[in-house]
Amino acid sequence: ILNGDKPILRMIDGKVYAAGTPWRGKEGYGVAEMLPLAAVGFLERAAEPSAVPISKDGATVRFASQIYIPGTPRGASLALGTLNGIINAVRLYEIRANMNEESAIASHNAFKNNKK
């Protein structure tokens, strides 16, 4: 687990990387590393597990409540430009999960078997 809460996402030469931070969530899971990011899954609780691709618009709405957008026009523009780059560079999924093993299998298969 790179980061148990919210990793830092960064674009370098058109590739997306995720980095662990000292803020690792209540469980404290994380490491001080930076790794390439191929996909993002937005987790939702559901009765039946599934992992389905979502649109760029759907991902933008979900990301918007999870990212820091600076209060200056330049800062906001840079943050939103980075977000746009991330959304265009990685695969995007809605992960619907419950506490059953099938949820882990569904998300694993989506991330493993699909290439952008």
N, C-alpha and C. Protein backbone atom coordinates (compact mmCIF):
# COMPACT_ATOMS: atom_id res chain seq x y z
N ILE A 1 0.86 -1.17 0.00
CA ILE A 1 0.00 0.00 0.00
C ILE A 1 0.90 1.22 0.00
N LEU A 2 0.80 2.01 -1.04
CA LEU A 2 1.61 3.21 -1.17
C LEU A 2 1.17 4.28 -0.17
N ASN A 3 -0.15 4.45 -0.05
CA ASN A 3 -0.69 5.43 0.90
C ASN A 3 -2.11 5.03 1.25
N GLY A 4 -2.41 4.98 2.55
CA GLY A 4 -3.72 4.56 3.00
C GLY A 4 -4.78 5.63 2.96
N ASP A 5 -4.42 6.85 2.60
CA ASP A 5 -5.41 7.92 2.55
C ASP A 5 -5.39 8.57 1.17
N LYS A 6 -4.64 9.64 1.01
CA LYS A 6 -4.59 10.34 -0.27
C LYS A 6 -3.15 10.55 -0.68
N PRO A 7 -2.69 9.80 -1.68
CA PRO A 7 -1.32 10.01 -2.16
C PRO A 7 -1.23 11.30 -2.96
N ILE A 8 -0.04 11.74 -3.17
CA ILE A 8 0.22 12.87 -4.07
C ILE A 8 0.32 12.31 -5.49
N LEU A 9 -0.39 12.93 -6.43
CA LEU A 9 -0.29 12.54 -7.83
C LEU A 9 0.50 13.60 -8.57
N ARG A 10 1.39 13.15 -9.45
CA ARG A 10 2.27 14.08 -10.15
C ARG A 10 2.46 13.62 -11.59
N MET A 11 2.48 14.58 -12.50
CA MET A 11 2.75 14.30 -13.91
C MET A 11 4.21 14.62 -14.18
N ILE A 12 4.92 13.66 -14.78
CA ILE A 12 6.31 13.87 -15.19
C ILE A 12 6.43 13.32 -16.61
N ASP A 13 6.75 14.20 -17.54
CA ASP A 13 6.91 13.81 -18.94
C ASP A 13 5.71 13.03 -19.47
N GLY A 14 4.51 13.48 -19.12
CA GLY A 14 3.29 12.87 -19.61
C GLY A 14 2.87 11.59 -18.92
N LYS A 15 3.62 11.15 -17.91
CA LYS A 15 3.26 9.96 -17.16
C LYS A 15 2.82 10.36 -15.76
N VAL A 16 1.90 9.59 -15.20
CA VAL A 16 1.36 9.89 -13.87
C VAL A 16 2.06 9.02 -12.84
N TYR A 17 2.42 9.65 -11.73
CA TYR A 17 3.05 8.95 -10.61
C TYR A 17 2.26 9.25 -9.34
N ALA A 18 2.22 8.27 -8.46
CA ALA A 18 1.62 8.43 -7.14
C ALA A 18 2.74 8.32 -6.11
N ALA A 19 2.67 9.20 -5.12
CA ALA A 19 3.70 9.20 -4.07
C ALA A 19 3.05 9.10 -2.70
N GLY A 20 3.67 8.30 -1.85
CA GLY A 20 3.22 8.21 -0.47
C GLY A 20 3.52 9.51 0.26
N THR A 21 2.76 9.78 1.30
CA THR A 21 2.95 10.98 2.12
C THR A 21 2.99 10.57 3.59
N PRO A 22 3.39 11.49 4.46
CA PRO A 22 3.34 11.19 5.90
C PRO A 22 1.91 11.06 6.42
N TRP A 23 0.91 11.54 5.67
CA TRP A 23 -0.49 11.48 6.08
C TRP A 23 -1.10 10.23 5.46
N ARG A 24 -1.18 9.17 6.26
CA ARG A 24 -1.48 7.84 5.72
C ARG A 24 -2.83 7.30 6.15
N GLY A 25 -3.69 8.10 6.69
CA GLY A 25 -4.99 7.60 7.12
C GLY A 25 -4.92 6.97 8.49
N LYS A 26 -6.09 6.58 8.99
CA LYS A 26 -6.16 6.07 10.37
C LYS A 26 -5.42 4.76 10.59
N GLU A 27 -5.26 3.95 9.53
CA GLU A 27 -4.54 2.68 9.68
C GLU A 27 -3.03 2.87 9.64
N GLY A 28 -2.56 3.99 9.09
CA GLY A 28 -1.13 4.25 9.02
C GLY A 28 -0.41 3.51 7.90
N TYR A 29 -1.15 3.01 6.90
CA TYR A 29 -0.54 2.28 5.80
C TYR A 29 0.15 3.24 4.83
N GLY A 30 1.37 2.93 4.47
CA GLY A 30 2.04 3.72 3.45
C GLY A 30 3.54 3.57 3.50
N VAL A 31 4.16 4.00 2.39
CA VAL A 31 5.60 3.99 2.27
C VAL A 31 6.03 5.28 1.58
N ALA A 32 7.27 5.68 1.80
CA ALA A 32 7.81 6.89 1.18
C ALA A 32 8.42 6.54 -0.17
N GLU A 33 7.56 6.28 -1.15
CA GLU A 33 8.01 5.94 -2.50
C GLU A 33 7.15 6.68 -3.52
N MET A 34 7.62 6.72 -4.76
CA MET A 34 6.85 7.24 -5.87
C MET A 34 6.84 6.18 -6.96
N LEU A 35 5.63 5.81 -7.40
CA LEU A 35 5.47 4.73 -8.37
C LEU A 35 4.58 5.17 -9.52
N PRO A 36 4.76 4.58 -10.72
CA PRO A 36 3.88 4.91 -11.84
C PRO A 36 2.44 4.50 -11.53
N LEU A 37 1.50 5.28 -12.02
CA LEU A 37 0.08 5.03 -11.80
C LEU A 37 -0.57 4.71 -13.13
N ALA A 38 -1.23 3.56 -13.23
CA ALA A 38 -1.87 3.15 -14.48
C ALA A 38 -3.38 3.31 -14.44
N ALA A 39 -3.97 3.27 -13.24
CA ALA A 39 -5.43 3.31 -13.14
C ALA A 39 -5.84 3.89 -11.80
N VAL A 40 -7.06 4.43 -11.78
CA VAL A 40 -7.66 4.95 -10.56
C VAL A 40 -9.03 4.30 -10.41
N GLY A 41 -9.32 3.82 -9.21
CA GLY A 41 -10.63 3.26 -8.91
C GLY A 41 -11.31 4.08 -7.83
N PHE A 42 -12.55 4.44 -8.09
CA PHE A 42 -13.36 5.16 -7.11
C PHE A 42 -14.27 4.14 -6.44
N LEU A 43 -14.07 3.96 -5.15
CA LEU A 43 -14.72 2.89 -4.40
C LEU A 43 -16.09 3.32 -3.89
N GLU A 44 -17.07 2.44 -4.11
CA GLU A 44 -18.42 2.64 -3.58
C GLU A 44 -18.91 1.33 -2.97
N ARG A 45 -19.69 1.44 -1.91
CA ARG A 45 -20.28 0.27 -1.29
C ARG A 45 -21.47 -0.17 -2.15
N ALA A 46 -21.59 -1.49 -2.35
CA ALA A 46 -22.69 -2.01 -3.15
C ALA A 46 -23.02 -3.44 -2.73
N ALA A 47 -24.24 -3.87 -3.02
CA ALA A 47 -24.65 -5.23 -2.70
C ALA A 47 -23.94 -6.24 -3.59
N GLU A 48 -23.79 -5.91 -4.87
CA GLU A 48 -23.15 -6.78 -5.84
C GLU A 48 -21.83 -6.16 -6.30
N PRO A 49 -20.73 -6.90 -6.22
CA PRO A 49 -19.44 -6.34 -6.62
C PRO A 49 -19.29 -6.22 -8.13
N SER A 50 -18.61 -5.15 -8.54
CA SER A 50 -18.26 -4.98 -9.95
C SER A 50 -17.17 -3.93 -10.06
N ALA A 51 -16.54 -3.92 -11.21
CA ALA A 51 -15.55 -2.90 -11.53
C ALA A 51 -15.80 -2.51 -12.97
N VAL A 52 -16.29 -1.29 -13.17
CA VAL A 52 -16.66 -0.86 -14.52
C VAL A 52 -15.93 0.44 -14.87
N PRO A 53 -15.53 0.56 -16.13
CA PRO A 53 -14.91 1.83 -16.53
C PRO A 53 -15.90 2.98 -16.37
N ILE A 54 -15.39 4.16 -16.03
CA ILE A 54 -16.23 5.35 -15.96
C ILE A 54 -15.69 6.39 -16.93
N SER A 55 -16.54 7.34 -17.24
CA SER A 55 -16.18 8.38 -18.19
C SER A 55 -15.22 9.39 -17.55
N LYS A 56 -14.57 10.16 -18.40
CA LYS A 56 -13.70 11.23 -17.91
C LYS A 56 -14.50 12.25 -17.12
N ASP A 57 -15.72 12.54 -17.58
CA ASP A 57 -16.58 13.48 -16.84
C ASP A 57 -16.93 12.94 -15.46
N GLY A 58 -17.26 11.65 -15.40
CA GLY A 58 -17.57 11.03 -14.11
C GLY A 58 -16.39 11.06 -13.17
N ALA A 59 -15.20 10.83 -13.70
CA ALA A 59 -13.99 10.87 -12.88
C ALA A 59 -13.70 12.29 -12.41
N THR A 60 -13.93 13.27 -13.27
CA THR A 60 -13.68 14.67 -12.89
C THR A 60 -14.53 15.06 -11.69
N VAL A 61 -15.79 14.67 -11.71
CA VAL A 61 -16.70 14.98 -10.59
C VAL A 61 -16.19 14.32 -9.32
N ARG A 62 -15.77 13.07 -9.42
CA ARG A 62 -15.29 12.36 -8.22
C ARG A 62 -13.97 12.92 -7.71
N PHE A 63 -13.07 13.25 -8.62
CA PHE A 63 -11.79 13.83 -8.20
C PHE A 63 -11.99 15.20 -7.55
N ALA A 64 -12.94 15.98 -8.04
CA ALA A 64 -13.10 17.37 -7.61
C ALA A 64 -13.24 17.51 -6.09
N SER A 65 -13.89 16.57 -5.45
CA SER A 65 -14.06 16.67 -4.00
C SER A 65 -12.87 16.11 -3.23
N GLN A 66 -11.89 15.56 -3.93
CA GLN A 66 -10.77 14.90 -3.27
C GLN A 66 -9.44 15.62 -3.44
N ILE A 67 -9.40 16.66 -4.24
CA ILE A 67 -8.12 17.32 -4.52
C ILE A 67 -8.08 18.72 -3.94
N TYR A 68 -6.88 19.20 -3.76
CA TYR A 68 -6.66 20.57 -3.30
C TYR A 68 -6.54 21.48 -4.51
N ILE A 69 -7.38 22.51 -4.55
CA ILE A 69 -7.30 23.51 -5.61
C ILE A 69 -6.94 24.84 -4.96
N PRO A 70 -5.77 25.37 -5.28
CA PRO A 70 -5.33 26.64 -4.68
C PRO A 70 -6.32 27.78 -4.97
N GLY A 71 -6.28 28.79 -4.13
CA GLY A 71 -7.21 29.91 -4.24
C GLY A 71 -6.82 30.97 -5.25
N THR A 72 -5.65 30.88 -5.84
CA THR A 72 -5.24 31.87 -6.84
C THR A 72 -5.60 31.36 -8.23
N PRO A 73 -5.87 32.27 -9.17
CA PRO A 73 -6.18 31.83 -10.53
C PRO A 73 -5.08 30.96 -11.14
N ARG A 74 -3.82 31.36 -10.96
CA ARG A 74 -2.72 30.58 -11.52
C ARG A 74 -2.63 29.21 -10.87
N GLY A 75 -2.74 29.16 -9.55
CA GLY A 75 -2.69 27.88 -8.84
C GLY A 75 -3.83 26.96 -9.23
N ALA A 76 -5.03 27.52 -9.32
CA ALA A 76 -6.19 26.72 -9.72
C ALA A 76 -6.01 26.19 -11.14
N SER A 77 -5.50 27.04 -12.02
CA SER A 77 -5.28 26.62 -13.41
C SER A 77 -4.27 25.49 -13.49
N LEU A 78 -3.19 25.58 -12.73
CA LEU A 78 -2.18 24.52 -12.72
C LEU A 78 -2.75 23.22 -12.16
N ALA A 79 -3.52 23.31 -11.07
CA ALA A 79 -4.10 22.12 -10.46
C ALA A 79 -5.09 21.45 -11.41
N LEU A 80 -5.94 22.25 -12.05
CA LEU A 80 -6.94 21.68 -12.96
C LEU A 80 -6.28 21.14 -14.23
N GLY A 81 -5.20 21.77 -14.67
CA GLY A 81 -4.45 21.24 -15.81
C GLY A 81 -3.83 19.90 -15.50
N THR A 82 -3.29 19.77 -14.30
CA THR A 82 -2.72 18.50 -13.87
C THR A 82 -3.81 17.44 -13.77
N LEU A 83 -4.96 17.81 -13.21
CA LEU A 83 -6.08 16.88 -13.12
C LEU A 83 -6.49 16.40 -14.51
N ASN A 84 -6.59 17.31 -15.45
CA ASN A 84 -6.95 16.94 -16.81
C ASN A 84 -5.92 15.96 -17.39
N GLY A 85 -4.65 16.23 -17.16
CA GLY A 85 -3.61 15.32 -17.65
C GLY A 85 -3.73 13.93 -17.04
N ILE A 86 -4.01 13.88 -15.74
CA ILE A 86 -4.15 12.59 -15.05
C ILE A 86 -5.33 11.82 -15.62
N ILE A 87 -6.46 12.49 -15.76
CA ILE A 87 -7.67 11.83 -16.25
C ILE A 87 -7.47 11.29 -17.67
N ASN A 88 -6.68 11.98 -18.46
CA ASN A 88 -6.43 11.52 -19.83
C ASN A 88 -5.34 10.46 -19.93
N ALA A 89 -4.57 10.26 -18.87
CA ALA A 89 -3.43 9.35 -18.93
C ALA A 89 -3.65 7.99 -18.29
N VAL A 90 -4.65 7.87 -17.43
CA VAL A 90 -4.85 6.61 -16.71
C VAL A 90 -6.23 6.03 -16.99
N ARG A 91 -6.38 4.74 -16.69
CA ARG A 91 -7.69 4.10 -16.79
C ARG A 91 -8.50 4.48 -15.56
N LEU A 92 -9.81 4.60 -15.73
CA LEU A 92 -10.70 5.08 -14.67
C LEU A 92 -11.82 4.08 -14.43
N TYR A 93 -12.02 3.69 -13.17
CA TYR A 93 -13.03 2.69 -12.83
C TYR A 93 -13.89 3.14 -11.67
N GLU A 94 -15.11 2.64 -11.67
CA GLU A 94 -15.96 2.68 -10.49
C GLU A 94 -15.91 1.27 -9.92
N ILE A 95 -15.43 1.16 -8.70
CA ILE A 95 -15.34 -0.12 -8.03
C ILE A 95 -16.50 -0.20 -7.05
N ARG A 96 -17.42 -1.11 -7.32
CA ARG A 96 -18.55 -1.33 -6.42
C ARG A 96 -18.21 -2.57 -5.60
N ALA A 97 -18.21 -2.42 -4.29
CA ALA A 97 -17.69 -3.51 -3.46
C ALA A 97 -18.51 -3.71 -2.20
N ASN A 98 -18.41 -4.94 -1.69
CA ASN A 98 -18.92 -5.28 -0.38
C ASN A 98 -17.79 -5.99 0.36
N MET A 99 -18.09 -6.69 1.39
CA MET A 99 -17.03 -7.32 2.18
C MET A 99 -16.71 -8.74 1.72
N ASN A 100 -17.21 -9.14 0.55
CA ASN A 100 -16.96 -10.48 0.04
C ASN A 100 -15.72 -10.52 -0.84
N GLU A 101 -15.15 -11.71 -0.97
CA GLU A 101 -13.95 -11.91 -1.76
C GLU A 101 -14.16 -11.54 -3.24
N GLU A 102 -15.39 -11.69 -3.73
CA GLU A 102 -15.69 -11.38 -5.12
C GLU A 102 -15.39 -9.92 -5.46
N SER A 103 -15.51 -9.04 -4.49
CA SER A 103 -15.20 -7.62 -4.72
C SER A 103 -13.72 -7.43 -5.04
N ALA A 104 -12.88 -8.09 -4.28
CA ALA A 104 -11.44 -7.99 -4.53
C ALA A 104 -11.09 -8.60 -5.88
N ILE A 105 -11.71 -9.70 -6.22
CA ILE A 105 -11.44 -10.35 -7.50
C ILE A 105 -11.88 -9.46 -8.66
N ALA A 106 -13.06 -8.85 -8.57
CA ALA A 106 -13.56 -7.99 -9.64
C ALA A 106 -12.64 -6.80 -9.88
N SER A 107 -12.20 -6.14 -8.81
CA SER A 107 -11.33 -4.99 -8.99
C SER A 107 -9.95 -5.41 -9.48
N HIS A 108 -9.42 -6.50 -8.96
CA HIS A 108 -8.13 -7.00 -9.41
C HIS A 108 -8.16 -7.30 -10.91
N ASN A 109 -9.20 -7.98 -11.36
CA ASN A 109 -9.30 -8.33 -12.77
C ASN A 109 -9.40 -7.09 -13.65
N ALA A 110 -10.13 -6.08 -13.23
CA ALA A 110 -10.25 -4.85 -14.02
C ALA A 110 -8.89 -4.18 -14.15
N PHE A 111 -8.18 -4.03 -13.05
CA PHE A 111 -6.89 -3.35 -13.09
C PHE A 111 -5.84 -4.15 -13.85
N LYS A 112 -5.89 -5.47 -13.72
CA LYS A 112 -4.87 -6.32 -14.32
C LYS A 112 -5.07 -6.52 -15.82
N ASN A 113 -6.31 -6.69 -16.26
CA ASN A 113 -6.57 -7.14 -17.63
C ASN A 113 -6.78 -6.04 -18.64
N ASN A 114 -7.00 -4.84 -18.24
CA ASN A 114 -7.27 -3.77 -19.20
C ASN A 114 -6.08 -2.84 -19.33
N LYS A 115 -5.75 -2.50 -20.55
CA LYS A 115 -4.66 -1.56 -20.82
C LYS A 115 -5.26 -0.33 -21.48
N LYS A 116 -4.70 0.82 -21.18
CA LYS A 116 -5.19 2.06 -21.80
C LYS A 116 -4.64 2.16 -23.21
